[in-house]
Amino acid sequence: MFTVESAMKKYPDIPENTIRELERFVLTGCPCGHFLTAVLNKDLFEAVNRCDPENQVALINLVKLIWNEVPMSCYGTAEKVKAWSDKHDVEELAS
C-alpha cells in the first residue's frame, strides 16, 4: 500500500488531491468522484471524458500507481469498486 508522500515522489505529475482521494477510498471505502471512479472501474472512455487537464496529463501514471500499489480487490470493475465501498460500510457499522 502506498502513502501519499511516496506516491507524490514516485509520480509527481499526479495531483495531490487525486492521490489523497485514492488513499481515502482504499483505506475507508469512501466513494470517489466521477473521474477516479471511472479509472478504478477501468472505464477509459468515461475517465478521459471526466478528467481535468492536470489529471489528463497524469492518467498513465495514475493507472500505474493503482496497478502497482492498490489492492486488486478494490478496482477493475464497477462491481468490485462498489463491493470495496460496501465492505467498509459494513465494517464501520460493526465497530
PDB file of N, CA and C in Angstrom:
ATOM      1  N   MET A   1       0.846  -1.183   0.000  1.00  0.00           N
ATOM      2  CA  MET A   1       0.000   0.000   0.000  1.00  0.00           C
ATOM      3  C   MET A   1       0.888   1.242   0.000  1.00  0.00           C
ATOM      4  N   PHE A   2       0.508   2.218  -0.764  1.00  0.00           N
ATOM      5  CA  PHE A   2       1.272   3.440  -0.897  1.00  0.00           C
ATOM      6  C   PHE A   2       0.933   4.430   0.219  1.00  0.00           C
ATOM      7  N   THR A   3       1.805   5.382   0.402  1.00  0.00           N
ATOM      8  CA  THR A   3       1.490   6.555   1.213  1.00  0.00           C
ATOM      9  C   THR A   3       1.383   7.738   0.249  1.00  0.00           C
ATOM     10  N   VAL A   4       0.721   8.777   0.668  1.00  0.00           N
ATOM     11  CA  VAL A   4       0.601   9.959  -0.176  1.00  0.00           C
ATOM     12  C   VAL A   4       1.987  10.483  -0.525  1.00  0.00           C
ATOM     13  N   GLU A   5       2.852  10.532   0.466  1.00  0.00           N
ATOM     14  CA  GLU A   5       4.197  11.064   0.257  1.00  0.00           C
ATOM     15  C   GLU A   5       4.987  10.216  -0.734  1.00  0.00           C
ATOM     16  N   SER A   6       4.946   8.891  -0.599  1.00  0.00           N
ATOM     17  CA  SER A   6       5.701   8.033  -1.520  1.00  0.00           C
ATOM     18  C   SER A   6       5.131   8.121  -2.929  1.00  0.00           C
ATOM     19  N   ALA A   7       3.815   8.196  -3.053  1.00  0.00           N
ATOM     20  CA  ALA A   7       3.192   8.303  -4.372  1.00  0.00           C
ATOM     21  C   ALA A   7       3.545   9.634  -5.032  1.00  0.00           C
ATOM     22  N   MET A   8       3.590  10.701  -4.259  1.00  0.00           N
ATOM     23  CA  MET A   8       3.923  12.009  -4.815  1.00  0.00           C
ATOM     24  C   MET A   8       5.375  12.050  -5.296  1.00  0.00           C
ATOM     25  N   LYS A   9       6.262  11.338  -4.601  1.00  0.00           N
ATOM     26  CA  LYS A   9       7.663  11.288  -5.032  1.00  0.00           C
ATOM     27  C   LYS A   9       7.815  10.452  -6.301  1.00  0.00           C
ATOM     28  N   LYS A  10       7.127   9.327  -6.333  1.00  0.00           N
ATOM     29  CA  LYS A  10       7.265   8.405  -7.473  1.00  0.00           C
ATOM     30  C   LYS A  10       6.508   8.909  -8.705  1.00  0.00           C
ATOM     31  N   TYR A  11       5.373   9.561  -8.480  1.00  0.00           N
ATOM     32  CA  TYR A  11       4.514  10.040  -9.571  1.00  0.00           C
ATOM     33  C   TYR A  11       4.194  11.517  -9.355  1.00  0.00           C
ATOM     34  N   PRO A  12       5.165  12.403  -9.531  1.00  0.00           N
ATOM     35  CA  PRO A  12       4.951  13.815  -9.199  1.00  0.00           C
ATOM     36  C   PRO A  12       3.928  14.529 -10.077  1.00  0.00           C
ATOM     37  N   ASP A  13       3.559  13.928 -11.210  1.00  0.00           N
ATOM     38  CA  ASP A  13       2.578  14.587 -12.069  1.00  0.00           C
ATOM     39  C   ASP A  13       1.135  14.339 -11.633  1.00  0.00           C
ATOM     40  N   ILE A  14       0.897  13.373 -10.754  1.00  0.00           N
ATOM     41  CA  ILE A  14      -0.466  13.125 -10.265  1.00  0.00           C
ATOM     42  C   ILE A  14      -0.798  14.194  -9.223  1.00  0.00           C
ATOM     43  N   PRO A  15      -1.911  14.890  -9.400  1.00  0.00           N
ATOM     44  CA  PRO A  15      -2.284  15.915  -8.414  1.00  0.00           C
ATOM     45  C   PRO A  15      -2.430  15.313  -7.008  1.00  0.00           C
ATOM     46  N   GLU A  16      -1.955  16.054  -6.027  1.00  0.00           N
ATOM     47  CA  GLU A  16      -2.009  15.579  -4.643  1.00  0.00           C
ATOM     48  C   GLU A  16      -3.433  15.245  -4.221  1.00  0.00           C
ATOM     49  N   ASN A  17      -4.414  16.052  -4.627  1.00  0.00           N
ATOM     50  CA  ASN A  17      -5.793  15.780  -4.214  1.00  0.00           C
ATOM     51  C   ASN A  17      -6.295  14.454  -4.798  1.00  0.00           C
ATOM     52  N   THR A  18      -5.815  14.068  -5.965  1.00  0.00           N
ATOM     53  CA  THR A  18      -6.205  12.787  -6.558  1.00  0.00           C
ATOM     54  C   THR A  18      -5.598  11.636  -5.769  1.00  0.00           C
ATOM     55  N   ILE A  19      -4.336  11.781  -5.389  1.00  0.00           N
ATOM     56  CA  ILE A  19      -3.679  10.740  -4.584  1.00  0.00           C
ATOM     57  C   ILE A  19      -4.372  10.606  -3.234  1.00  0.00           C
ATOM     58  N   ARG A  20      -4.703  11.726  -2.616  1.00  0.00           N
ATOM     59  CA  ARG A  20      -5.391  11.683  -1.316  1.00  0.00           C
ATOM     60  C   ARG A  20      -6.781  11.056  -1.435  1.00  0.00           C
ATOM     61  N   GLU A  21      -7.488  11.346  -2.514  1.00  0.00           N
ATOM     62  CA  GLU A  21      -8.804  10.762  -2.738  1.00  0.00           C
ATOM     63  C   GLU A  21      -8.684   9.245  -2.922  1.00  0.00           C
ATOM     64  N   LEU A  22      -7.672   8.805  -3.661  1.00  0.00           N
ATOM     65  CA  LEU A  22      -7.438   7.371  -3.849  1.00  0.00           C
ATOM     66  C   LEU A  22      -7.102   6.706  -2.518  1.00  0.00           C
ATOM     67  N   GLU A  23      -6.241   7.336  -1.737  1.00  0.00           N
ATOM     68  CA  GLU A  23      -5.886   6.792  -0.424  1.00  0.00           C
ATOM     69  C   GLU A  23      -7.127   6.662   0.464  1.00  0.00           C
ATOM     70  N   ARG A  24      -7.966   7.686   0.476  1.00  0.00           N
ATOM     71  CA  ARG A  24      -9.186   7.653   1.286  1.00  0.00           C
ATOM     72  C   ARG A  24     -10.098   6.505   0.857  1.00  0.00           C
ATOM     73  N   PHE A  25     -10.225   6.292  -0.446  1.00  0.00           N
ATOM     74  CA  PHE A  25     -11.044   5.187  -0.937  1.00  0.00           C
ATOM     75  C   PHE A  25     -10.470   3.841  -0.488  1.00  0.00           C
ATOM     76  N   VAL A  26      -9.170   3.661  -0.638  1.00  0.00           N
ATOM     77  CA  VAL A  26      -8.549   2.384  -0.277  1.00  0.00           C
ATOM     78  C   VAL A  26      -8.684   2.119   1.222  1.00  0.00           C
ATOM     79  N   LEU A  27      -8.471   3.137   2.034  1.00  0.00           N
ATOM     80  CA  LEU A  27      -8.480   2.945   3.486  1.00  0.00           C
ATOM     81  C   LEU A  27      -9.879   2.878   4.089  1.00  0.00           C
ATOM     82  N   THR A  28     -10.825   3.634   3.513  1.00  0.00           N
ATOM     83  CA  THR A  28     -12.137   3.744   4.153  1.00  0.00           C
ATOM     84  C   THR A  28     -13.309   3.317   3.280  1.00  0.00           C
ATOM     85  N   GLY A  29     -13.065   3.115   1.977  1.00  0.00           N
ATOM     86  CA  GLY A  29     -14.163   2.787   1.072  1.00  0.00           C
ATOM     87  C   GLY A  29     -15.015   3.988   0.705  1.00  0.00           C
ATOM     88  N   CYS A  30     -14.598   5.182   1.124  1.00  0.00           N
ATOM     89  CA  CYS A  30     -15.345   6.406   0.816  1.00  0.00           C
ATOM     90  C   CYS A  30     -15.435   6.573  -0.703  1.00  0.00           C
ATOM     91  N   PRO A  31     -16.636   6.768  -1.232  1.00  0.00           N
ATOM     92  CA  PRO A  31     -16.784   6.904  -2.685  1.00  0.00           C
ATOM     93  C   PRO A  31     -15.934   8.039  -3.248  1.00  0.00           C
ATOM     94  N   CYS A  32     -15.468   7.845  -4.467  1.00  0.00           N
ATOM     95  CA  CYS A  32     -14.639   8.829  -5.160  1.00  0.00           C
ATOM     96  C   CYS A  32     -15.501   9.665  -6.094  1.00  0.00           C
ATOM     97  N   GLY A  33     -14.875  10.689  -6.647  1.00  0.00           N
ATOM     98  CA  GLY A  33     -15.526  11.477  -7.683  1.00  0.00           C
ATOM     99  C   GLY A  33     -15.658  10.674  -8.971  1.00  0.00           C
ATOM    100  N   HIS A  34     -16.339  11.259  -9.935  1.00  0.00           N
ATOM    101  CA  HIS A  34     -16.626  10.559 -11.189  1.00  0.00           C
ATOM    102  C   HIS A  34     -15.361  10.126 -11.920  1.00  0.00           C
ATOM    103  N   PHE A  35     -14.358  10.999 -11.991  1.00  0.00           N
ATOM    104  CA  PHE A  35     -13.131  10.661 -12.712  1.00  0.00           C
ATOM    105  C   PHE A  35     -12.428   9.462 -12.091  1.00  0.00           C
ATOM    106  N   LEU A  36     -12.124   9.541 -10.804  1.00  0.00           N
ATOM    107  CA  LEU A  36     -11.387   8.457 -10.165  1.00  0.00           C
ATOM    108  C   LEU A  36     -12.211   7.170 -10.131  1.00  0.00           C
ATOM    109  N   THR A  37     -13.506   7.271  -9.973  1.00  0.00           N
ATOM    110  CA  THR A  37     -14.359   6.085 -10.032  1.00  0.00           C
ATOM    111  C   THR A  37     -14.246   5.427 -11.400  1.00  0.00           C
ATOM    112  N   ALA A  38     -14.253   6.221 -12.459  1.00  0.00           N
ATOM    113  CA  ALA A  38     -14.110   5.671 -13.809  1.00  0.00           C
ATOM    114  C   ALA A  38     -12.761   4.981 -13.977  1.00  0.00           C
ATOM    115  N   VAL A  39     -11.709   5.569 -13.432  1.00  0.00           N
ATOM    116  CA  VAL A  39     -10.380   4.939 -13.507  1.00  0.00           C
ATOM    117  C   VAL A  39     -10.403   3.607 -12.756  1.00  0.00           C
ATOM    118  N   LEU A  40     -10.940   3.602 -11.545  1.00  0.00           N
ATOM    119  CA  LEU A  40     -10.999   2.364 -10.751  1.00  0.00           C
ATOM    120  C   LEU A  40     -11.860   1.296 -11.426  1.00  0.00           C
ATOM    121  N   ASN A  41     -12.886   1.727 -12.153  1.00  0.00           N
ATOM    122  CA  ASN A  41     -13.758   0.795 -12.877  1.00  0.00           C
ATOM    123  C   ASN A  41     -13.126   0.293 -14.176  1.00  0.00           C
ATOM    124  N   LYS A  42     -11.958   0.832 -14.529  1.00  0.00           N
ATOM    125  CA  LYS A  42     -11.288   0.560 -15.805  1.00  0.00           C
ATOM    126  C   LYS A  42     -12.143   0.988 -16.988  1.00  0.00           C
ATOM    127  N   ASP A  43     -12.816   2.117 -16.832  1.00  0.00           N
ATOM    128  CA  ASP A  43     -13.645   2.687 -17.890  1.00  0.00           C
ATOM    129  C   ASP A  43     -12.881   3.857 -18.507  1.00  0.00           C
ATOM    130  N   LEU A  44     -12.037   3.555 -19.488  1.00  0.00           N
ATOM    131  CA  LEU A  44     -11.160   4.554 -20.085  1.00  0.00           C
ATOM    132  C   LEU A  44     -11.929   5.711 -20.715  1.00  0.00           C
ATOM    133  N   PHE A  45     -12.974   5.411 -21.451  1.00  0.00           N
ATOM    134  CA  PHE A  45     -13.714   6.468 -22.124  1.00  0.00           C
ATOM    135  C   PHE A  45     -14.329   7.439 -21.117  1.00  0.00           C
ATOM    136  N   GLU A  46     -14.907   6.922 -20.052  1.00  0.00           N
ATOM    137  CA  GLU A  46     -15.501   7.777 -19.026  1.00  0.00           C
ATOM    138  C   GLU A  46     -14.423   8.555 -18.277  1.00  0.00           C
ATOM    139  N   ALA A  47     -13.294   7.919 -17.995  1.00  0.00           N
ATOM    140  CA  ALA A  47     -12.205   8.601 -17.290  1.00  0.00           C
ATOM    141  C   ALA A  47     -11.685   9.780 -18.110  1.00  0.00           C
ATOM    142  N   VAL A  48     -11.457   9.569 -19.388  1.00  0.00           N
ATOM    143  CA  VAL A  48     -10.981  10.652 -20.249  1.00  0.00           C
ATOM    144  C   VAL A  48     -12.035  11.747 -20.353  1.00  0.00           C
ATOM    145  N   ASN A  49     -13.285  11.373 -20.431  1.00  0.00           N
ATOM    146  CA  ASN A  49     -14.371  12.344 -20.513  1.00  0.00           C
ATOM    147  C   ASN A  49     -14.481  13.177 -19.235  1.00  0.00           C
ATOM    148  N   ARG A  50     -14.169  12.593 -18.089  1.00  0.00           N
ATOM    149  CA  ARG A  50     -14.356  13.254 -16.786  1.00  0.00           C
ATOM    150  C   ARG A  50     -13.127  13.989 -16.259  1.00  0.00           C
ATOM    151  N   CYS A  51     -11.949  13.754 -16.834  1.00  0.00           N
ATOM    152  CA  CYS A  51     -10.738  14.284 -16.197  1.00  0.00           C
ATOM    153  C   CYS A  51     -10.515  15.763 -16.509  1.00  0.00           C
ATOM    154  N   ASP A  52      -9.906  16.434 -15.544  1.00  0.00           N
ATOM    155  CA  ASP A  52      -9.487  17.814 -15.734  1.00  0.00           C
ATOM    156  C   ASP A  52      -8.107  17.798 -16.400  1.00  0.00           C
ATOM    157  N   PRO A  53      -7.592  18.936 -16.819  1.00  0.00           N
ATOM    158  CA  PRO A  53      -6.308  18.949 -17.530  1.00  0.00           C
ATOM    159  C   PRO A  53      -5.140  18.341 -16.739  1.00  0.00           C
ATOM    160  N   GLU A  54      -5.092  18.566 -15.424  1.00  0.00           N
ATOM    161  CA  GLU A  54      -3.993  18.022 -14.624  1.00  0.00           C
ATOM    162  C   GLU A  54      -4.053  16.500 -14.566  1.00  0.00           C
ATOM    163  N   ASN A  55      -5.238  15.959 -14.367  1.00  0.00           N
ATOM    164  CA  ASN A  55      -5.379  14.503 -14.318  1.00  0.00           C
ATOM    165  C   ASN A  55      -5.229  13.874 -15.699  1.00  0.00           C
ATOM    166  N   GLN A  56      -5.544  14.612 -16.749  1.00  0.00           N
ATOM    167  CA  GLN A  56      -5.347  14.102 -18.099  1.00  0.00           C
ATOM    168  C   GLN A  56      -3.862  13.833 -18.333  1.00  0.00           C
ATOM    169  N   VAL A  57      -3.018  14.759 -17.932  1.00  0.00           N
ATOM    170  CA  VAL A  57      -1.575  14.592 -18.075  1.00  0.00           C
ATOM    171  C   VAL A  57      -1.080  13.418 -17.237  1.00  0.00           C
ATOM    172  N   ALA A  58      -1.689  13.200 -16.076  1.00  0.00           N
ATOM    173  CA  ALA A  58      -1.235  12.196 -15.116  1.00  0.00           C
ATOM    174  C   ALA A  58      -1.903  10.834 -15.266  1.00  0.00           C
ATOM    175  N   LEU A  59      -2.817  10.672 -16.194  1.00  0.00           N
ATOM    176  CA  LEU A  59      -3.629   9.456 -16.263  1.00  0.00           C
ATOM    177  C   LEU A  59      -2.799   8.182 -16.353  1.00  0.00           C
ATOM    178  N   ILE A  60      -1.777   8.164 -17.164  1.00  0.00           N
ATOM    179  CA  ILE A  60      -0.954   6.947 -17.299  1.00  0.00           C
ATOM    180  C   ILE A  60      -0.305   6.603 -15.966  1.00  0.00           C
ATOM    181  N   ASN A  61       0.264   7.592 -15.290  1.00  0.00           N
ATOM    182  CA  ASN A  61       0.908   7.308 -14.004  1.00  0.00           C
ATOM    183  C   ASN A  61      -0.101   6.965 -12.918  1.00  0.00           C
ATOM    184  N   LEU A  62      -1.293   7.515 -12.992  1.00  0.00           N
ATOM    185  CA  LEU A  62      -2.338   7.141 -12.037  1.00  0.00           C
ATOM    186  C   LEU A  62      -2.678   5.657 -12.198  1.00  0.00           C
ATOM    187  N   VAL A  63      -2.795   5.211 -13.429  1.00  0.00           N
ATOM    188  CA  VAL A  63      -3.058   3.788 -13.678  1.00  0.00           C
ATOM    189  C   VAL A  63      -1.895   2.941 -13.147  1.00  0.00           C
ATOM    190  N   LYS A  64      -0.667   3.378 -13.358  1.00  0.00           N
ATOM    191  CA  LYS A  64       0.498   2.645 -12.833  1.00  0.00           C
ATOM    192  C   LYS A  64       0.459   2.581 -11.308  1.00  0.00           C
ATOM    193  N   LEU A  65       0.120   3.698 -10.659  1.00  0.00           N
ATOM    194  CA  LEU A  65       0.020   3.726  -9.197  1.00  0.00           C
ATOM    195  C   LEU A  65      -1.015   2.717  -8.722  1.00  0.00           C
ATOM    196  N   ILE A  66      -2.177   2.718  -9.335  1.00  0.00           N
ATOM    197  CA  ILE A  66      -3.234   1.787  -8.928  1.00  0.00           C
ATOM    198  C   ILE A  66      -2.781   0.352  -9.168  1.00  0.00           C
ATOM    199  N   TRP A  67      -2.251   0.067 -10.338  1.00  0.00           N
ATOM    200  CA  TRP A  67      -1.818  -1.285 -10.702  1.00  0.00           C
ATOM    201  C   TRP A  67      -0.762  -1.814  -9.730  1.00  0.00           C
ATOM    202  N   ASN A  68       0.180  -0.966  -9.355  1.00  0.00           N
ATOM    203  CA  ASN A  68       1.321  -1.407  -8.546  1.00  0.00           C
ATOM    204  C   ASN A  68       1.120  -1.312  -7.037  1.00  0.00           C
ATOM    205  N   GLU A  69       0.216  -0.460  -6.576  1.00  0.00           N
ATOM    206  CA  GLU A  69       0.172  -0.147  -5.148  1.00  0.00           C
ATOM    207  C   GLU A  69      -1.174  -0.365  -4.464  1.00  0.00           C
ATOM    208  N   VAL A  70      -2.225  -0.604  -5.220  1.00  0.00           N
ATOM    209  CA  VAL A  70      -3.571  -0.680  -4.651  1.00  0.00           C
ATOM    210  C   VAL A  70      -4.043  -2.136  -4.657  1.00  0.00           C
ATOM    211  N   PRO A  71      -4.706  -2.581  -3.606  1.00  0.00           N
ATOM    212  CA  PRO A  71      -5.205  -3.969  -3.585  1.00  0.00           C
ATOM    213  C   PRO A  71      -6.101  -4.253  -4.794  1.00  0.00           C
ATOM    214  N   MET A  72      -5.852  -5.370  -5.448  1.00  0.00           N
ATOM    215  CA  MET A  72      -6.600  -5.731  -6.655  1.00  0.00           C
ATOM    216  C   MET A  72      -8.087  -5.903  -6.396  1.00  0.00           C
ATOM    217  N   SER A  73      -8.451  -6.185  -5.172  1.00  0.00           N
ATOM    218  CA  SER A  73      -9.863  -6.414  -4.870  1.00  0.00           C
ATOM    219  C   SER A  73     -10.687  -5.128  -4.828  1.00  0.00           C
ATOM    220  N   CYS A  74     -10.050  -3.958  -4.956  1.00  0.00           N
ATOM    221  CA  CYS A  74     -10.828  -2.717  -4.883  1.00  0.00           C
ATOM    222  C   CYS A  74     -10.915  -1.979  -6.214  1.00  0.00           C
ATOM    223  N   TYR A  75     -10.452  -2.576  -7.298  1.00  0.00           N
ATOM    224  CA  TYR A  75     -10.585  -1.929  -8.600  1.00  0.00           C
ATOM    225  C   TYR A  75     -10.703  -2.970  -9.703  1.00  0.00           C
ATOM    226  N   GLY A  76     -11.136  -2.517 -10.871  1.00  0.00           N
ATOM    227  CA  GLY A  76     -11.207  -3.391 -12.031  1.00  0.00           C
ATOM    228  C   GLY A  76     -12.576  -3.429 -12.688  1.00  0.00           C
ATOM    229  N   THR A  77     -13.621  -3.398 -11.873  1.00  0.00           N
ATOM    230  CA  THR A  77     -14.991  -3.349 -12.382  1.00  0.00           C
ATOM    231  C   THR A  77     -15.823  -2.499 -11.431  1.00  0.00           C
ATOM    232  N   ALA A  78     -16.955  -2.040 -11.921  1.00  0.00           N
ATOM    233  CA  ALA A  78     -17.859  -1.266 -11.067  1.00  0.00           C
ATOM    234  C   ALA A  78     -18.314  -2.100  -9.881  1.00  0.00           C
ATOM    235  N   GLU A  79     -18.500  -3.387 -10.093  1.00  0.00           N
ATOM    236  CA  GLU A  79     -18.943  -4.278  -9.014  1.00  0.00           C
ATOM    237  C   GLU A  79     -17.876  -4.395  -7.922  1.00  0.00           C
ATOM    238  N   LYS A  80     -16.604  -4.507  -8.320  1.00  0.00           N
ATOM    239  CA  LYS A  80     -15.524  -4.604  -7.331  1.00  0.00           C
ATOM    240  C   LYS A  80     -15.373  -3.309  -6.541  1.00  0.00           C
ATOM    241  N   VAL A  81     -15.505  -2.183  -7.223  1.00  0.00           N
ATOM    242  CA  VAL A  81     -15.404  -0.882  -6.547  1.00  0.00           C
ATOM    243  C   VAL A  81     -16.538  -0.724  -5.539  1.00  0.00           C
ATOM    244  N   LYS A  82     -17.742  -1.070  -5.939  1.00  0.00           N
ATOM    245  CA  LYS A  82     -18.893  -0.979  -5.028  1.00  0.00           C
ATOM    246  C   LYS A  82     -18.738  -1.947  -3.857  1.00  0.00           C
ATOM    247  N   ALA A  83     -18.292  -3.166  -4.139  1.00  0.00           N
ATOM    248  CA  ALA A  83     -18.107  -4.155  -3.067  1.00  0.00           C
ATOM    249  C   ALA A  83     -17.067  -3.670  -2.057  1.00  0.00           C
ATOM    250  N   TRP A  84     -16.004  -3.018  -2.531  1.00  0.00           N
ATOM    251  CA  TRP A  84     -14.974  -2.487  -1.627  1.00  0.00           C
ATOM    252  C   TRP A  84     -15.588  -1.425  -0.711  1.00  0.00           C
ATOM    253  N   SER A  85     -16.365  -0.551  -1.302  1.00  0.00           N
ATOM    254  CA  SER A  85     -17.018   0.504  -0.528  1.00  0.00           C
ATOM    255  C   SER A  85     -18.022  -0.092   0.452  1.00  0.00           C
ATOM    256  N   ASP A  86     -18.828  -1.043  -0.017  1.00  0.00           N
ATOM    257  CA  ASP A  86     -19.828  -1.691   0.840  1.00  0.00           C
ATOM    258  C   ASP A  86     -19.168  -2.446   1.985  1.00  0.00           C
ATOM    259  N   LYS A  87     -18.048  -3.113   1.707  1.00  0.00           N
ATOM    260  CA  LYS A  87     -17.319  -3.861   2.738  1.00  0.00           C
ATOM    261  C   LYS A  87     -16.911  -2.927   3.874  1.00  0.00           C
ATOM    262  N   HIS A  88     -16.436  -1.756   3.532  1.00  0.00           N
ATOM    263  CA  HIS A  88     -16.018  -0.805   4.557  1.00  0.00           C
ATOM    264  C   HIS A  88     -17.208  -0.241   5.319  1.00  0.00           C
ATOM    265  N   ASP A  89     -18.350  -0.079   4.643  1.00  0.00           N
ATOM    266  CA  ASP A  89     -19.558   0.368   5.330  1.00  0.00           C
ATOM    267  C   ASP A  89     -19.983  -0.657   6.386  1.00  0.00           C
ATOM    268  N   VAL A  90     -19.916  -1.929   6.038  1.00  0.00           N
ATOM    269  CA  VAL A  90     -20.280  -2.995   6.978  1.00  0.00           C
ATOM    270  C   VAL A  90     -19.303  -3.024   8.137  1.00  0.00           C
ATOM    271  N   GLU A  91     -18.010  -2.902   7.847  1.00  0.00           N
ATOM    272  CA  GLU A  91     -17.010  -2.905   8.924  1.00  0.00           C
ATOM    273  C   GLU A  91     -17.216  -1.732   9.863  1.00  0.00           C
ATOM    274  N   GLU A  92     -17.568  -0.573   9.316  1.00  0.00           N
ATOM    275  CA  GLU A  92     -17.788   0.604  10.144  1.00  0.00           C
ATOM    276  C   GLU A  92     -19.003   0.422  11.045  1.00  0.00           C
ATOM    277  N   LEU A  93     -20.056  -0.169  10.499  1.00  0.00           N
ATOM    278  CA  LEU A  93     -21.261  -0.409  11.297  1.00  0.00           C
ATOM    279  C   LEU A  93     -21.006  -1.411  12.409  1.00  0.00           C
ATOM    280  N   ALA A  94     -20.133  -2.389  12.160  1.00  0.00           N
ATOM    281  CA  ALA A  94     -19.864  -3.434  13.143  1.00  0.00           C
ATOM    282  C   ALA A  94     -19.019  -2.930  14.305  1.00  0.00           C
ATOM    283  N   SER A  95     -18.271  -1.836  14.094  1.00  0.00           N
ATOM    284  CA  SER A  95     -17.407  -1.364  15.184  1.00  0.00           C
ATOM    285  C   SER A  95     -18.067  -0.389  16.091  1.00  0.00           C
TER     286      SER A  95
END
